[in-house]
Amino acid sequence: MKASGAGVVVVSCSDPRLNPYQILGIDQTLKATMVRNAGGRVFDALRTLAVLQTIGSPGTIVVMHHTDCGVTHFHDSKIRGALSELAPTDKTAIEATNFGEIKGSIEESVIEDLEILRASPWIKKSTQLIGLKYDIDTGKLEVVGEEQAQL
């Protein structure tokens, strides 16, 4: 198998207010894959990104977090408490799990996720990494982090 190096993977939140295809102007002519999870956190998406790096070799990974995200309001401790009530026999695993709480700013969470990708041995060093912040209220999209790249 020969990797093309083409394509984009967007990691974003599963919040229904967020439509990455529309926000980023992606149509079927652009080879783009969406990986969505609570908070759009990359540690939760690493397995999928590793597989995609192997079978499709995307040239770019975009991390897009947004304002008013649920994981800025529902902290890990609250999630752990609720899950411990739901599954008391799994308390040890629940306590050891990172649920993706965003403690600081959205910009800080994007930068943290970009650093996770840069440090991961599963992500090719040649992959372009782009961080974005989307403002739910204004629709403003801004680049976050070191690389000031365009899609």
C-alpha atoms as a PDB file:
ATOM      1  CA  MET A   1       0.000   0.000   0.000  1.00  0.00           C
ATOM      2  CA  LYS A   2       1.343   3.398  -0.920  1.00  0.00           C
ATOM      3  CA  ALA A   3       0.255   6.329   1.228  1.00  0.00           C
ATOM      4  CA  SER A   4      -0.841   9.394  -0.675  1.00  0.00           C
ATOM      5  CA  GLY A   5      -0.292  11.906   2.126  1.00  0.00           C
ATOM      6  CA  ALA A   6      -3.457  13.663   0.989  1.00  0.00           C
ATOM      7  CA  GLY A   7      -6.547  14.350   3.003  1.00  0.00           C
ATOM      8  CA  VAL A   8      -7.577  15.942   6.245  1.00  0.00           C
ATOM      9  CA  VAL A   9      -8.820  14.540   9.532  1.00  0.00           C
ATOM     10  CA  VAL A  10     -10.803  16.901  11.747  1.00  0.00           C
ATOM     11  CA  VAL A  11     -11.105  16.078  15.448  1.00  0.00           C
ATOM     12  CA  SER A  12     -14.019  17.980  16.945  1.00  0.00           C
ATOM     13  CA  CYS A  13     -16.692  17.869  19.596  1.00  0.00           C
ATOM     14  CA  SER A  14     -19.855  15.833  19.140  1.00  0.00           C
ATOM     15  CA  ASP A  15     -21.972  18.828  20.231  1.00  0.00           C
ATOM     16  CA  PRO A  16     -24.894  19.027  17.766  1.00  0.00           C
ATOM     17  CA  ARG A  17     -24.461  22.827  17.543  1.00  0.00           C
ATOM     18  CA  LEU A  18     -21.155  22.188  15.791  1.00  0.00           C
ATOM     19  CA  ASN A  19     -21.178  21.219  12.101  1.00  0.00           C
ATOM     20  CA  PRO A  20     -17.509  20.886  11.088  1.00  0.00           C
ATOM     21  CA  TYR A  21     -18.353  20.371   7.411  1.00  0.00           C
ATOM     22  CA  GLN A  22     -20.236  23.663   7.259  1.00  0.00           C
ATOM     23  CA  ILE A  23     -17.876  25.627   9.541  1.00  0.00           C
ATOM     24  CA  LEU A  24     -14.798  24.605   7.557  1.00  0.00           C
ATOM     25  CA  GLY A  25     -16.484  24.762   4.136  1.00  0.00           C
ATOM     26  CA  ILE A  26     -15.789  21.096   3.427  1.00  0.00           C
ATOM     27  CA  ASP A  27     -17.565  19.404   0.548  1.00  0.00           C
ATOM     28  CA  GLN A  28     -17.134  16.018  -1.109  1.00  0.00           C
ATOM     29  CA  THR A  29     -14.266  17.251  -3.295  1.00  0.00           C
ATOM     30  CA  LEU A  30     -11.979  17.515  -0.251  1.00  0.00           C
ATOM     31  CA  LYS A  31     -10.806  14.245   1.220  1.00  0.00           C
ATOM     32  CA  ALA A  32     -11.887  14.866   4.804  1.00  0.00           C
ATOM     33  CA  THR A  33     -12.722  12.564   7.677  1.00  0.00           C
ATOM     34  CA  MET A  34     -14.413  13.629  10.908  1.00  0.00           C
ATOM     35  CA  VAL A  35     -13.569  12.161  14.307  1.00  0.00           C
ATOM     36  CA  ARG A  36     -16.021  13.470  16.879  1.00  0.00           C
ATOM     37  CA  ASN A  37     -16.185  12.855  20.619  1.00  0.00           C
ATOM     38  CA  ALA A  38     -17.109  14.628  23.847  1.00  0.00           C
ATOM     39  CA  GLY A  39     -14.966  17.757  23.894  1.00  0.00           C
ATOM     40  CA  GLY A  40     -13.152  16.912  20.655  1.00  0.00           C
ATOM     41  CA  ARG A  41     -10.226  15.658  22.733  1.00  0.00           C
ATOM     42  CA  VAL A  42      -7.391  13.946  20.856  1.00  0.00           C
ATOM     43  CA  PHE A  43      -6.414  11.511  23.615  1.00  0.00           C
ATOM     44  CA  ASP A  44      -9.824   9.945  23.018  1.00  0.00           C
ATOM     45  CA  ALA A  45      -9.228   9.886  19.238  1.00  0.00           C
ATOM     46  CA  LEU A  46      -5.634   8.598  19.149  1.00  0.00           C
ATOM     47  CA  ARG A  47      -6.552   5.014  18.262  1.00  0.00           C
ATOM     48  CA  THR A  48      -8.631   6.187  15.302  1.00  0.00           C
ATOM     49  CA  LEU A  49      -5.972   8.685  14.215  1.00  0.00           C
ATOM     50  CA  ALA A  50      -3.323   5.942  14.357  1.00  0.00           C
ATOM     51  CA  VAL A  51      -5.433   3.695  12.137  1.00  0.00           C
ATOM     52  CA  LEU A  52      -6.081   6.541   9.696  1.00  0.00           C
ATOM     53  CA  GLN A  53      -2.343   7.350   9.610  1.00  0.00           C
ATOM     54  CA  THR A  54      -1.772   3.731   8.604  1.00  0.00           C
ATOM     55  CA  ILE A  55      -4.503   3.186   6.005  1.00  0.00           C
ATOM     56  CA  GLY A  56      -4.949   6.665   4.568  1.00  0.00           C
ATOM     57  CA  SER A  57      -1.989   8.754   5.624  1.00  0.00           C
ATOM     58  CA  PRO A  58      -3.759  12.109   5.926  1.00  0.00           C
ATOM     59  CA  GLY A  59      -1.467  15.071   5.409  1.00  0.00           C
ATOM     60  CA  THR A  60      -3.265  17.240   7.976  1.00  0.00           C
ATOM     61  CA  ILE A  61      -4.969  16.775  11.329  1.00  0.00           C
ATOM     62  CA  VAL A  62      -7.168  19.636  12.515  1.00  0.00           C
ATOM     63  CA  VAL A  63      -8.123  19.936  16.189  1.00  0.00           C
ATOM     64  CA  MET A  64     -11.202  22.130  16.624  1.00  0.00           C
ATOM     65  CA  HIS A  65     -12.585  23.000  20.059  1.00  0.00           C
ATOM     66  CA  HIS A  66     -15.451  25.399  20.679  1.00  0.00           C
ATOM     67  CA  THR A  67     -16.758  27.868  23.231  1.00  0.00           C
ATOM     68  CA  ASP A  68     -19.516  26.821  25.645  1.00  0.00           C
ATOM     69  CA  CYS A  69     -18.431  23.181  25.372  1.00  0.00           C
ATOM     70  CA  GLY A  70     -20.079  20.777  27.810  1.00  0.00           C
ATOM     71  CA  VAL A  71     -16.719  19.578  29.137  1.00  0.00           C
ATOM     72  CA  THR A  72     -16.064  23.109  30.387  1.00  0.00           C
ATOM     73  CA  HIS A  73     -19.194  22.813  32.564  1.00  0.00           C
ATOM     74  CA  PHE A  74     -19.241  19.129  33.559  1.00  0.00           C
ATOM     75  CA  HIS A  75     -15.973  18.331  35.236  1.00  0.00           C
ATOM     76  CA  ASP A  76     -14.330  14.930  35.523  1.00  0.00           C
ATOM     77  CA  SER A  77     -15.214  14.660  39.228  1.00  0.00           C
ATOM     78  CA  LYS A  78     -18.922  15.108  38.476  1.00  0.00           C
ATOM     79  CA  ILE A  79     -18.769  12.586  35.630  1.00  0.00           C
ATOM     80  CA  ARG A  80     -16.908  10.115  37.849  1.00  0.00           C
ATOM     81  CA  GLY A  81     -19.553  10.497  40.568  1.00  0.00           C
ATOM     82  CA  ALA A  82     -22.419   9.869  38.147  1.00  0.00           C
ATOM     83  CA  LEU A  83     -20.685   6.895  36.528  1.00  0.00           C
ATOM     84  CA  SER A  84     -19.791   5.393  39.920  1.00  0.00           C
ATOM     85  CA  GLU A  85     -23.497   5.402  40.779  1.00  0.00           C
ATOM     86  CA  LEU A  86     -24.334   3.853  37.433  1.00  0.00           C
ATOM     87  CA  ALA A  87     -21.603   1.193  37.589  1.00  0.00           C
ATOM     88  CA  PRO A  88     -20.361   0.854  41.195  1.00  0.00           C
ATOM     89  CA  THR A  89     -18.352  -2.278  40.386  1.00  0.00           C
ATOM     90  CA  ASP A  90     -16.244  -0.271  37.888  1.00  0.00           C
ATOM     91  CA  LYS A  91     -15.244   2.433  40.367  1.00  0.00           C
ATOM     92  CA  THR A  92     -11.487   1.746  40.039  1.00  0.00           C
ATOM     93  CA  ALA A  93     -11.564   2.078  36.247  1.00  0.00           C
ATOM     94  CA  ILE A  94     -13.812   5.145  36.459  1.00  0.00           C
ATOM     95  CA  GLU A  95     -11.455   6.876  38.906  1.00  0.00           C
ATOM     96  CA  ALA A  96      -8.495   6.189  36.605  1.00  0.00           C
ATOM     97  CA  THR A  97     -10.158   7.584  33.469  1.00  0.00           C
ATOM     98  CA  ASN A  98      -9.587  11.042  32.014  1.00  0.00           C
ATOM     99  CA  PHE A  99     -12.937  12.246  30.673  1.00  0.00           C
ATOM    100  CA  GLY A 100     -11.549  15.318  28.911  1.00  0.00           C
ATOM    101  CA  GLU A 101     -12.419  18.138  31.264  1.00  0.00           C
ATOM    102  CA  ILE A 102     -11.343  21.529  29.916  1.00  0.00           C
ATOM    103  CA  LYS A 103     -10.035  23.395  32.969  1.00  0.00           C
ATOM    104  CA  GLY A 104      -8.569  26.484  31.339  1.00  0.00           C
ATOM    105  CA  SER A 105      -9.386  28.340  28.156  1.00  0.00           C
ATOM    106  CA  ILE A 106     -10.425  26.780  24.869  1.00  0.00           C
ATOM    107  CA  GLU A 107      -7.127  27.961  23.399  1.00  0.00           C
ATOM    108  CA  GLU A 108      -5.225  26.121  26.149  1.00  0.00           C
ATOM    109  CA  SER A 109      -7.139  22.896  25.489  1.00  0.00           C
ATOM    110  CA  VAL A 110      -6.395  23.094  21.757  1.00  0.00           C
ATOM    111  CA  ILE A 111      -2.688  23.664  22.458  1.00  0.00           C
ATOM    112  CA  GLU A 112      -2.686  20.766  24.950  1.00  0.00           C
ATOM    113  CA  ASP A 113      -4.200  18.487  22.312  1.00  0.00           C
ATOM    114  CA  LEU A 114      -1.701  19.614  19.659  1.00  0.00           C
ATOM    115  CA  GLU A 115       1.107  18.798  22.096  1.00  0.00           C
ATOM    116  CA  ILE A 116      -0.375  15.327  22.662  1.00  0.00           C
ATOM    117  CA  LEU A 117      -0.358  14.734  18.899  1.00  0.00           C
ATOM    118  CA  ARG A 118       3.210  16.033  18.500  1.00  0.00           C
ATOM    119  CA  ALA A 119       4.409  13.755  21.303  1.00  0.00           C
ATOM    120  CA  SER A 120       2.586  10.656  20.080  1.00  0.00           C
ATOM    121  CA  PRO A 121       4.678   7.984  18.374  1.00  0.00           C
ATOM    122  CA  TRP A 122       1.485   6.999  16.492  1.00  0.00           C
ATOM    123  CA  ILE A 123       1.302  10.289  14.576  1.00  0.00           C
ATOM    124  CA  LYS A 124       3.731  10.800  11.708  1.00  0.00           C
ATOM    125  CA  LYS A 125       6.046  13.746  12.264  1.00  0.00           C
ATOM    126  CA  SER A 126       5.356  14.904   8.689  1.00  0.00           C
ATOM    127  CA  THR A 127       1.653  15.430   9.468  1.00  0.00           C
ATOM    128  CA  GLN A 128       0.608  19.076   9.518  1.00  0.00           C
ATOM    129  CA  LEU A 129      -1.250  19.888  12.757  1.00  0.00           C
ATOM    130  CA  ILE A 130      -3.698  22.774  12.903  1.00  0.00           C
ATOM    131  CA  GLY A 131      -5.520  24.017  15.994  1.00  0.00           C
ATOM    132  CA  LEU A 132      -8.792  25.924  15.750  1.00  0.00           C
ATOM    133  CA  LYS A 133     -11.182  27.635  18.143  1.00  0.00           C
ATOM    134  CA  TYR A 134     -14.788  28.065  17.074  1.00  0.00           C
ATOM    135  CA  ASP A 135     -17.004  30.603  18.822  1.00  0.00           C
ATOM    136  CA  ILE A 136     -20.513  29.123  19.040  1.00  0.00           C
ATOM    137  CA  ASP A 137     -22.126  32.558  19.515  1.00  0.00           C
ATOM    138  CA  THR A 138     -20.378  34.575  16.802  1.00  0.00           C
ATOM    139  CA  GLY A 139     -19.402  31.880  14.302  1.00  0.00           C
ATOM    140  CA  LYS A 140     -15.813  33.179  14.410  1.00  0.00           C
ATOM    141  CA  LEU A 141     -13.126  30.615  13.661  1.00  0.00           C
ATOM    142  CA  GLU A 142      -9.543  31.333  14.658  1.00  0.00           C
ATOM    143  CA  VAL A 143      -6.248  29.505  14.395  1.00  0.00           C
ATOM    144  CA  VAL A 144      -4.711  28.561  17.741  1.00  0.00           C
ATOM    145  CA  GLY A 145      -1.163  27.478  18.459  1.00  0.00           C
ATOM    146  CA  GLU A 146       2.174  27.871  16.769  1.00  0.00           C
ATOM    147  CA  GLU A 147       1.270  27.006  13.205  1.00  0.00           C
ATOM    148  CA  GLN A 148      -0.684  29.711  11.406  1.00  0.00           C
ATOM    149  CA  ALA A 149      -1.837  27.477   8.564  1.00  0.00           C
ATOM    150  CA  GLN A 150      -4.811  27.590   6.247  1.00  0.00           C
ATOM    151  CA  LEU A 151      -6.993  24.668   5.262  1.00  0.00           C
END
